């Protein structure tokens, strides 16, 4: 693995989960007795990451209080959103704190088991690669179609059946970081992923497992059972 910086997007408002967890930011939602973010941090430490950038916003002071400036063998720094910047703006702002050689990125409300090294390999010669998750029903997420190791298109939510989805884990190469839009606020999905997919510039990595999205109460409740079994 050439790059050991990871950015975790932990600044979302978590409106869909607010009914179940009203008083903490979504990444700190309790799962099997621990904040969900702890599982993400441990996974990336085990994968060899040595520096974490936490992009915080809503109730971000709670995240900083919980994590601090060191987690295991990893240094932790913070990119704070004073006003909502959208996913793209949050990534662009936080990327200024990275080494600039490339950056692993994940959402603070999704869990996925994958090899960061394999994701870097999938991005070779490209600006970005995405880790995709196989799910039994793509209807809630929208599907990703893959050909010859690249994402060829994203299909809208509302379809059905098994397939691959964007699991919210990316590797932006040095080339990709330099190509981010020079905007303060923008959508990463609309302004970066969609046009790059249309150009055939997005690598795909399918060797993943264990996808969990706690962003909705149904999966949040499912995560309780999954992680409780693993903690035994």
C-alpha atoms as a PDB file:
ATOM      1  CA  UNK A   1       0.000   0.000   0.000  1.00  0.00           C
ATOM      2  CA  UNK A   2       1.566   3.251  -1.153  1.00  0.00           C
ATOM      3  CA  UNK A   3      -0.781   5.667   0.636  1.00  0.00           C
ATOM      4  CA  UNK A   4      -1.601   5.418   4.350  1.00  0.00           C
ATOM      5  CA  UNK A   5      -3.907   8.446   4.722  1.00  0.00           C
ATOM      6  CA  UNK A   6      -7.652   7.872   5.048  1.00  0.00           C
ATOM      7  CA  UNK A   7     -10.406  10.487   5.140  1.00  0.00           C
ATOM      8  CA  UNK A   8     -13.597   9.575   7.003  1.00  0.00           C
ATOM      9  CA  UNK A   9     -16.592  11.772   6.208  1.00  0.00           C
ATOM     10  CA  UNK A  10     -18.200  12.287   9.612  1.00  0.00           C
ATOM     11  CA  UNK A  11     -20.081  15.539   9.152  1.00  0.00           C
ATOM     12  CA  UNK A  12     -23.507  14.512   7.855  1.00  0.00           C
ATOM     13  CA  UNK A  13     -26.700  15.628   9.549  1.00  0.00           C
ATOM     14  CA  UNK A  14     -28.037  12.083   9.850  1.00  0.00           C
ATOM     15  CA  UNK A  15     -31.653  13.130   9.371  1.00  0.00           C
ATOM     16  CA  UNK A  16     -32.856   9.614   8.454  1.00  0.00           C
ATOM     17  CA  UNK A  17     -31.394   8.191  11.675  1.00  0.00           C
ATOM     18  CA  UNK A  18     -32.421  11.077  13.935  1.00  0.00           C
ATOM     19  CA  UNK A  19     -35.513   9.223  15.198  1.00  0.00           C
ATOM     20  CA  UNK A  20     -33.367   6.359  16.500  1.00  0.00           C
ATOM     21  CA  UNK A  21     -30.334   8.382  17.655  1.00  0.00           C
ATOM     22  CA  UNK A  22     -31.408  11.980  18.301  1.00  0.00           C
ATOM     23  CA  UNK A  23     -28.498  13.422  20.294  1.00  0.00           C
ATOM     24  CA  UNK A  24     -25.248  12.263  18.675  1.00  0.00           C
ATOM     25  CA  UNK A  25     -23.724  12.620  15.185  1.00  0.00           C
ATOM     26  CA  UNK A  26     -24.380   9.595  13.001  1.00  0.00           C
ATOM     27  CA  UNK A  27     -20.822   8.134  13.154  1.00  0.00           C
ATOM     28  CA  UNK A  28     -21.115   7.996  16.949  1.00  0.00           C
ATOM     29  CA  UNK A  29     -24.416   6.103  16.908  1.00  0.00           C
ATOM     30  CA  UNK A  30     -24.080   3.237  19.399  1.00  0.00           C
ATOM     31  CA  UNK A  31     -23.719  -0.159  17.759  1.00  0.00           C
ATOM     32  CA  UNK A  32     -23.414  -3.209  20.030  1.00  0.00           C
ATOM     33  CA  UNK A  33     -22.364  -0.935  22.873  1.00  0.00           C
ATOM     34  CA  UNK A  34     -19.715   1.108  20.997  1.00  0.00           C
ATOM     35  CA  UNK A  35     -19.785   4.161  18.714  1.00  0.00           C
ATOM     36  CA  UNK A  36     -19.949   2.995  15.102  1.00  0.00           C
ATOM     37  CA  UNK A  37     -16.893   5.103  14.258  1.00  0.00           C
ATOM     38  CA  UNK A  38     -14.752   2.889  16.517  1.00  0.00           C
ATOM     39  CA  UNK A  39     -15.276  -0.070  14.171  1.00  0.00           C
ATOM     40  CA  UNK A  40     -14.221   2.021  11.166  1.00  0.00           C
ATOM     41  CA  UNK A  41     -11.102   3.313  12.885  1.00  0.00           C
ATOM     42  CA  UNK A  42     -10.060  -0.160  14.002  1.00  0.00           C
ATOM     43  CA  UNK A  43     -10.606  -1.574  10.522  1.00  0.00           C
ATOM     44  CA  UNK A  44      -8.378   1.050   8.907  1.00  0.00           C
ATOM     45  CA  UNK A  45      -5.702   0.719  11.575  1.00  0.00           C
ATOM     46  CA  UNK A  46      -5.603  -3.044  10.933  1.00  0.00           C
ATOM     47  CA  UNK A  47      -5.380  -2.329   7.184  1.00  0.00           C
ATOM     48  CA  UNK A  48      -2.193  -0.322   7.728  1.00  0.00           C
ATOM     49  CA  UNK A  49      -3.392   3.272   7.741  1.00  0.00           C
ATOM     50  CA  UNK A  50      -1.282   5.609   9.827  1.00  0.00           C
ATOM     51  CA  UNK A  51      -3.115   8.913   9.493  1.00  0.00           C
ATOM     52  CA  UNK A  52      -6.833   9.667   9.713  1.00  0.00           C
ATOM     53  CA  UNK A  53      -8.495  12.874   8.597  1.00  0.00           C
ATOM     54  CA  UNK A  54     -11.943  13.240  10.122  1.00  0.00           C
ATOM     55  CA  UNK A  55     -14.213  15.652   8.247  1.00  0.00           C
ATOM     56  CA  UNK A  56     -16.619  16.879  10.914  1.00  0.00           C
ATOM     57  CA  UNK A  57     -19.651  19.131  10.883  1.00  0.00           C
ATOM     58  CA  UNK A  58     -22.881  18.535  12.779  1.00  0.00           C
ATOM     59  CA  UNK A  59     -22.028  17.933  16.471  1.00  0.00           C
ATOM     60  CA  UNK A  60     -18.395  17.590  15.415  1.00  0.00           C
ATOM     61  CA  UNK A  61     -17.129  18.464  18.889  1.00  0.00           C
ATOM     62  CA  UNK A  62     -18.511  15.123  20.092  1.00  0.00           C
ATOM     63  CA  UNK A  63     -16.447  13.302  17.471  1.00  0.00           C
ATOM     64  CA  UNK A  64     -13.288  15.150  18.505  1.00  0.00           C
ATOM     65  CA  UNK A  65     -13.932  14.447  22.166  1.00  0.00           C
ATOM     66  CA  UNK A  66     -14.397  10.726  21.502  1.00  0.00           C
ATOM     67  CA  UNK A  67     -11.482  10.146  19.109  1.00  0.00           C
ATOM     68  CA  UNK A  68      -8.863  12.686  20.207  1.00  0.00           C
ATOM     69  CA  UNK A  69      -5.615  13.119  18.256  1.00  0.00           C
ATOM     70  CA  UNK A  70      -4.433   9.517  18.323  1.00  0.00           C
ATOM     71  CA  UNK A  71      -6.177   6.192  17.726  1.00  0.00           C
ATOM     72  CA  UNK A  72      -3.978   3.162  18.193  1.00  0.00           C
ATOM     73  CA  UNK A  73      -1.074   3.561  15.759  1.00  0.00           C
ATOM     74  CA  UNK A  74      -2.814   6.304  13.782  1.00  0.00           C
ATOM     75  CA  UNK A  75      -2.499  10.073  14.053  1.00  0.00           C
ATOM     76  CA  UNK A  76      -5.821  11.911  13.816  1.00  0.00           C
ATOM     77  CA  UNK A  77      -6.419  15.385  12.386  1.00  0.00           C
ATOM     78  CA  UNK A  78      -9.685  17.241  11.774  1.00  0.00           C
ATOM     79  CA  UNK A  79     -11.202  19.134   8.889  1.00  0.00           C
ATOM     80  CA  UNK A  80     -14.103  21.117  10.347  1.00  0.00           C
ATOM     81  CA  UNK A  81     -17.025  22.358   8.267  1.00  0.00           C
ATOM     82  CA  UNK A  82     -18.257  25.683   9.605  1.00  0.00           C
ATOM     83  CA  UNK A  83     -21.104  25.556   7.083  1.00  0.00           C
ATOM     84  CA  UNK A  84     -22.277  22.522   5.059  1.00  0.00           C
ATOM     85  CA  UNK A  85     -19.994  22.035   2.042  1.00  0.00           C
ATOM     86  CA  UNK A  86     -21.629  19.016   0.416  1.00  0.00           C
ATOM     87  CA  UNK A  87     -19.722  15.766  -0.005  1.00  0.00           C
ATOM     88  CA  UNK A  88     -17.399  17.239  -2.610  1.00  0.00           C
ATOM     89  CA  UNK A  89     -16.616  20.385  -0.660  1.00  0.00           C
ATOM     90  CA  UNK A  90     -15.895  18.328   2.452  1.00  0.00           C
ATOM     91  CA  UNK A  91     -13.499  16.085   0.518  1.00  0.00           C
ATOM     92  CA  UNK A  92     -11.743  18.987  -1.193  1.00  0.00           C
ATOM     93  CA  UNK A  93     -11.245  20.858   2.081  1.00  0.00           C
ATOM     94  CA  UNK A  94     -10.000  17.787   3.941  1.00  0.00           C
ATOM     95  CA  UNK A  95      -7.694  16.760   1.092  1.00  0.00           C
ATOM     96  CA  UNK A  96      -5.562  19.815   1.817  1.00  0.00           C
ATOM     97  CA  UNK A  97      -4.501  18.059   5.016  1.00  0.00           C
ATOM     98  CA  UNK A  98      -3.350  14.931   3.167  1.00  0.00           C
ATOM     99  CA  UNK A  99       0.092  14.077   1.829  1.00  0.00           C
ATOM    100  CA  UNK A 100      -1.129  14.871  -1.694  1.00  0.00           C
ATOM    101  CA  UNK A 101       0.090  11.491  -3.002  1.00  0.00           C
ATOM    102  CA  UNK A 102      -3.432  10.083  -2.975  1.00  0.00           C
ATOM    103  CA  UNK A 103      -6.208   9.642  -0.435  1.00  0.00           C
ATOM    104  CA  UNK A 104      -8.437   6.823   0.757  1.00  0.00           C
ATOM    105  CA  UNK A 105     -11.980   8.022   1.523  1.00  0.00           C
ATOM    106  CA  UNK A 106     -14.974   6.436   3.239  1.00  0.00           C
ATOM    107  CA  UNK A 107     -18.336   7.475   4.599  1.00  0.00           C
ATOM    108  CA  UNK A 108     -18.664   7.627   8.372  1.00  0.00           C
ATOM    109  CA  UNK A 109     -21.940   5.697   8.328  1.00  0.00           C
ATOM    110  CA  UNK A 110     -20.949   2.700   6.173  1.00  0.00           C
ATOM    111  CA  UNK A 111     -18.813  -0.321   6.937  1.00  0.00           C
ATOM    112  CA  UNK A 112     -17.065  -2.396   4.293  1.00  0.00           C
ATOM    113  CA  UNK A 113     -14.343  -5.021   4.440  1.00  0.00           C
ATOM    114  CA  UNK A 114     -11.833  -4.620   1.611  1.00  0.00           C
ATOM    115  CA  UNK A 115      -8.138  -4.277   0.870  1.00  0.00           C
ATOM    116  CA  UNK A 116      -6.985  -0.653   0.478  1.00  0.00           C
ATOM    117  CA  UNK A 117      -3.996  -1.972  -1.476  1.00  0.00           C
ATOM    118  CA  UNK A 118      -6.301  -3.674  -3.981  1.00  0.00           C
ATOM    119  CA  UNK A 119      -8.308  -0.464  -4.300  1.00  0.00           C
ATOM    120  CA  UNK A 120      -5.131   1.478  -5.093  1.00  0.00           C
ATOM    121  CA  UNK A 121      -4.281  -1.100  -7.755  1.00  0.00           C
ATOM    122  CA  UNK A 122      -7.743  -0.684  -9.284  1.00  0.00           C
ATOM    123  CA  UNK A 123      -7.031   3.046  -9.617  1.00  0.00           C
ATOM    124  CA  UNK A 124      -3.718   2.618 -11.435  1.00  0.00           C
ATOM    125  CA  UNK A 125      -3.557   5.070 -14.330  1.00  0.00           C
ATOM    126  CA  UNK A 126      -6.913   6.586 -13.351  1.00  0.00           C
ATOM    127  CA  UNK A 127      -8.042   9.469 -11.102  1.00  0.00           C
ATOM    128  CA  UNK A 128     -10.166   7.265  -8.840  1.00  0.00           C
ATOM    129  CA  UNK A 129     -11.358   3.762  -7.987  1.00  0.00           C
ATOM    130  CA  UNK A 130     -14.462   2.709  -6.073  1.00  0.00           C
ATOM    131  CA  UNK A 131     -14.976  -0.278  -3.806  1.00  0.00           C
ATOM    132  CA  UNK A 132     -18.298  -1.821  -4.779  1.00  0.00           C
ATOM    133  CA  UNK A 133     -20.521  -4.004  -2.601  1.00  0.00           C
ATOM    134  CA  UNK A 134     -22.698  -6.882  -3.770  1.00  0.00           C
ATOM    135  CA  UNK A 135     -26.178  -6.614  -2.233  1.00  0.00           C
ATOM    136  CA  UNK A 136     -29.318  -8.753  -2.636  1.00  0.00           C
ATOM    137  CA  UNK A 137     -31.453  -5.746  -3.610  1.00  0.00           C
ATOM    138  CA  UNK A 138     -30.056  -2.627  -5.255  1.00  0.00           C
ATOM    139  CA  UNK A 139     -33.381  -0.759  -5.083  1.00  0.00           C
ATOM    140  CA  UNK A 140     -32.492   1.539  -2.182  1.00  0.00           C
ATOM    141  CA  UNK A 141     -29.072   2.468  -3.510  1.00  0.00           C
ATOM    142  CA  UNK A 142     -29.015   2.408  -7.280  1.00  0.00           C
ATOM    143  CA  UNK A 143     -26.735  -0.014  -9.115  1.00  0.00           C
ATOM    144  CA  UNK A 144     -23.264   0.246 -10.596  1.00  0.00           C
ATOM    145  CA  UNK A 145     -22.537  -1.509 -13.889  1.00  0.00           C
ATOM    146  CA  UNK A 146     -18.962  -2.702 -14.411  1.00  0.00           C
ATOM    147  CA  UNK A 147     -17.105  -3.629 -17.585  1.00  0.00           C
ATOM    148  CA  UNK A 148     -13.423  -4.525 -17.868  1.00  0.00           C
ATOM    149  CA  UNK A 149     -12.570  -3.315 -14.392  1.00  0.00           C
ATOM    150  CA  UNK A 150     -14.220   0.087 -14.720  1.00  0.00           C
ATOM    151  CA  UNK A 151     -17.558   1.534 -13.658  1.00  0.00           C
ATOM    152  CA  UNK A 152     -19.479   2.111 -16.882  1.00  0.00           C
ATOM    153  CA  UNK A 153     -22.650   3.656 -15.458  1.00  0.00           C
ATOM    154  CA  UNK A 154     -24.706   4.270 -12.352  1.00  0.00           C
ATOM    155  CA  UNK A 155     -28.366   3.329 -12.496  1.00  0.00           C
ATOM    156  CA  UNK A 156     -30.982   5.282 -10.577  1.00  0.00           C
ATOM    157  CA  UNK A 157     -32.550   4.087  -7.341  1.00  0.00           C
ATOM    158  CA  UNK A 158     -35.825   2.247  -7.704  1.00  0.00           C
ATOM    159  CA  UNK A 159     -34.693  -0.815  -9.633  1.00  0.00           C
ATOM    160  CA  UNK A 160     -34.536  -4.170  -7.907  1.00  0.00           C
ATOM    161  CA  UNK A 161     -32.746  -7.469  -7.585  1.00  0.00           C
ATOM    162  CA  UNK A 162     -29.151  -8.341  -6.739  1.00  0.00           C
ATOM    163  CA  UNK A 163     -26.235  -6.299  -8.010  1.00  0.00           C
ATOM    164  CA  UNK A 164     -23.309  -4.047  -7.222  1.00  0.00           C
ATOM    165  CA  UNK A 165     -23.606  -0.685  -5.486  1.00  0.00           C
ATOM    166  CA  UNK A 166     -21.298   2.192  -4.677  1.00  0.00           C
ATOM    167  CA  UNK A 167     -20.314   1.399  -1.077  1.00  0.00           C
ATOM    168  CA  UNK A 168     -18.930   4.887  -0.385  1.00  0.00           C
ATOM    169  CA  UNK A 169     -15.258   3.840  -0.242  1.00  0.00           C
ATOM    170  CA  UNK A 170     -12.880   5.447  -2.732  1.00  0.00           C
ATOM    171  CA  UNK A 171      -9.237   5.926  -3.553  1.00  0.00           C
ATOM    172  CA  UNK A 172      -8.403   9.260  -5.139  1.00  0.00           C
ATOM    173  CA  UNK A 173      -5.005   9.186  -6.819  1.00  0.00           C
ATOM    174  CA  UNK A 174      -2.684  12.174  -6.975  1.00  0.00           C
ATOM    175  CA  UNK A 175      -4.111  12.828 -10.441  1.00  0.00           C
ATOM    176  CA  UNK A 176      -7.643  12.688  -9.032  1.00  0.00           C
ATOM    177  CA  UNK A 177      -6.886  15.067  -6.180  1.00  0.00           C
ATOM    178  CA  UNK A 178      -5.491  17.614  -8.645  1.00  0.00           C
ATOM    179  CA  UNK A 179      -8.633  17.311 -10.806  1.00  0.00           C
ATOM    180  CA  UNK A 180     -11.177  18.091  -8.076  1.00  0.00           C
ATOM    181  CA  UNK A 181     -13.369  21.113  -8.912  1.00  0.00           C
ATOM    182  CA  UNK A 182     -12.163  24.428  -7.504  1.00  0.00           C
ATOM    183  CA  UNK A 183     -15.435  25.044  -5.677  1.00  0.00           C
ATOM    184  CA  UNK A 184     -16.144  25.546  -1.989  1.00  0.00           C
ATOM    185  CA  UNK A 185     -19.397  23.598  -2.005  1.00  0.00           C
ATOM    186  CA  UNK A 186     -20.357  20.800  -4.401  1.00  0.00           C
ATOM    187  CA  UNK A 187     -21.659  17.266  -4.650  1.00  0.00           C
ATOM    188  CA  UNK A 188     -18.909  14.685  -5.109  1.00  0.00           C
ATOM    189  CA  UNK A 189     -21.365  12.307  -6.725  1.00  0.00           C
ATOM    190  CA  UNK A 190     -22.738  14.796  -9.273  1.00  0.00           C
ATOM    191  CA  UNK A 191     -19.677  16.918 -10.026  1.00  0.00           C
ATOM    192  CA  UNK A 192     -16.972  14.230  -9.890  1.00  0.00           C
ATOM    193  CA  UNK A 193     -18.199  10.641 -10.038  1.00  0.00           C
ATOM    194  CA  UNK A 194     -20.841  10.990 -12.740  1.00  0.00           C
ATOM    195  CA  UNK A 195     -18.694  12.868 -15.295  1.00  0.00           C
ATOM    196  CA  UNK A 196     -15.648  10.691 -14.584  1.00  0.00           C
ATOM    197  CA  UNK A 197     -17.741   7.540 -15.054  1.00  0.00           C
ATOM    198  CA  UNK A 198     -19.029   8.949 -18.356  1.00  0.00           C
ATOM    199  CA  UNK A 199     -15.397   9.324 -19.488  1.00  0.00           C
ATOM    200  CA  UNK A 200     -14.508   5.774 -18.429  1.00  0.00           C
ATOM    201  CA  UNK A 201     -12.122   7.073 -15.770  1.00  0.00           C
ATOM    202  CA  UNK A 202     -13.387   5.255 -12.662  1.00  0.00           C
ATOM    203  CA  UNK A 203     -11.817   1.958 -11.617  1.00  0.00           C
ATOM    204  CA  UNK A 204     -13.944  -0.712  -9.949  1.00  0.00           C
ATOM    205  CA  UNK A 205     -12.940  -3.105  -7.177  1.00  0.00           C
ATOM    206  CA  UNK A 206     -15.465  -5.858  -6.425  1.00  0.00           C
ATOM    207  CA  UNK A 207     -13.600  -8.006  -3.878  1.00  0.00           C
ATOM    208  CA  UNK A 208     -15.425  -6.731  -0.789  1.00  0.00           C
ATOM    209  CA  UNK A 209     -17.602  -8.111   2.002  1.00  0.00           C
ATOM    210  CA  UNK A 210     -19.615  -7.159   5.075  1.00  0.00           C
ATOM    211  CA  UNK A 211     -21.323  -4.026   3.743  1.00  0.00           C
ATOM    212  CA  UNK A 212     -23.441  -2.208   6.338  1.00  0.00           C
ATOM    213  CA  UNK A 213     -25.110   1.194   5.995  1.00  0.00           C
ATOM    214  CA  UNK A 214     -26.397   2.506   9.344  1.00  0.00           C
ATOM    215  CA  UNK A 215     -27.952   5.564   7.723  1.00  0.00           C
ATOM    216  CA  UNK A 216     -31.472   4.215   8.036  1.00  0.00           C
ATOM    217  CA  UNK A 217     -33.075   2.695  11.160  1.00  0.00           C
ATOM    218  CA  UNK A 218     -33.628  -0.730   9.556  1.00  0.00           C
ATOM    219  CA  UNK A 219     -29.923  -1.295   8.852  1.00  0.00           C
ATOM    220  CA  UNK A 220     -28.930   0.422  12.078  1.00  0.00           C
ATOM    221  CA  UNK A 221     -30.889  -2.234  13.947  1.00  0.00           C
ATOM    222  CA  UNK A 222     -29.382  -4.982  11.786  1.00  0.00           C
ATOM    223  CA  UNK A 223     -25.880  -3.705  12.602  1.00  0.00           C
ATOM    224  CA  UNK A 224     -26.556  -4.188  16.315  1.00  0.00           C
ATOM    225  CA  UNK A 225     -26.940  -7.934  15.815  1.00  0.00           C
ATOM    226  CA  UNK A 226     -24.026  -8.300  13.402  1.00  0.00           C
ATOM    227  CA  UNK A 227     -21.466  -6.509  15.550  1.00  0.00           C
ATOM    228  CA  UNK A 228     -22.769  -8.089  18.765  1.00  0.00           C
ATOM    229  CA  UNK A 229     -21.963 -11.509  17.287  1.00  0.00           C
ATOM    230  CA  UNK A 230     -18.474 -10.381  16.245  1.00  0.00           C
ATOM    231  CA  UNK A 231     -17.696  -8.957  19.701  1.00  0.00           C
ATOM    232  CA  UNK A 232     -18.186 -12.332  21.408  1.00  0.00           C
END
